[in-house]
Amino acid sequence: MHCERVYFYAHPEQPLREVEWIHYGRYLDERIKGKPTQYITHKQEFYGRDFRVTPAVLIPRPETELLVETVLNLRPNPGLVIDVGTGSGCIAISLKAAQVFGVDLSSEALKVAQLNAQTHRTPITLIQADLLTPFQDAIADVVVSNPPYIPLKDLPDLQREVRDWEPHMALFAGTSGMAVYERLIPEAKRILKPGGLLALELGFGLADSVAALVPDWHNLQILPDLAGIPRVLACVKP
């Protein structure tokens, strides 16, 4: 119907036009096949904003809002921020930093991030690259990432909406789920300024393993999500 939700509820007697029934039938068929609703509507709310999503990007989760909150609490006015694996750009856009880089391997994901940045009038420099390889040493104030962290062995047990529709590049990280953390953390240490902040979303059961990769970093925090699951790791470069 392409109307606001309040209009929809205020006009329950309004019948669907033929073209609306056709669209509804197509959307319903897609949903029955397992396609996530967000990929049908091309929309997902995150941190108070609507973001465009396509099968090229991970669907933003409410748990990831804790990652944004953590960075804003620890660095209310960050200078240069790099969002690694930016996807839809939801993290980078929500941080509202003075200078933000969004990095992703997928050119299709970067197109979605660019569209979201334009929609929300947030300037972001988008770079197609593998993690932090394009950046010089000691330039960043914050490195933030929701990296791939699902072990490949968990693939058969995932919901079909995730397994069959979301981009595997954004989901899986080797046999243990640690493959990207093991590469990203040394690179973050290289490009962060002394005292710079590293904030990472954590996969289920990986908090201790990721914390073991930052033994000499300062102010280590592991923060739980609303379900009590360790969800975000934050630490400061010495």
Foldseek 3Di string as FASTA:
>chain_A
DPDDPVVCVVCVPDDDDPVRVVLVVVLVVCVVVQADPCQSVQWDDEPHDIAGAHLQFDHDDNLCNVLLVVCCVVCVAFEEEEEEQCQQVRSVQSNLYNAYEYEEQDPVSVVNNVVRCVVSVRDYHYDNDDAQVVAAFADGQEYEYAAAQDAPVCLVVDRCNCNVRHDVRRHYAYRGSCNVLLVNPVVCLGHHHQFHKYKYFDDFPCPVVSVVSPVPFADWDFDAGPVRTRTMIMTGHD
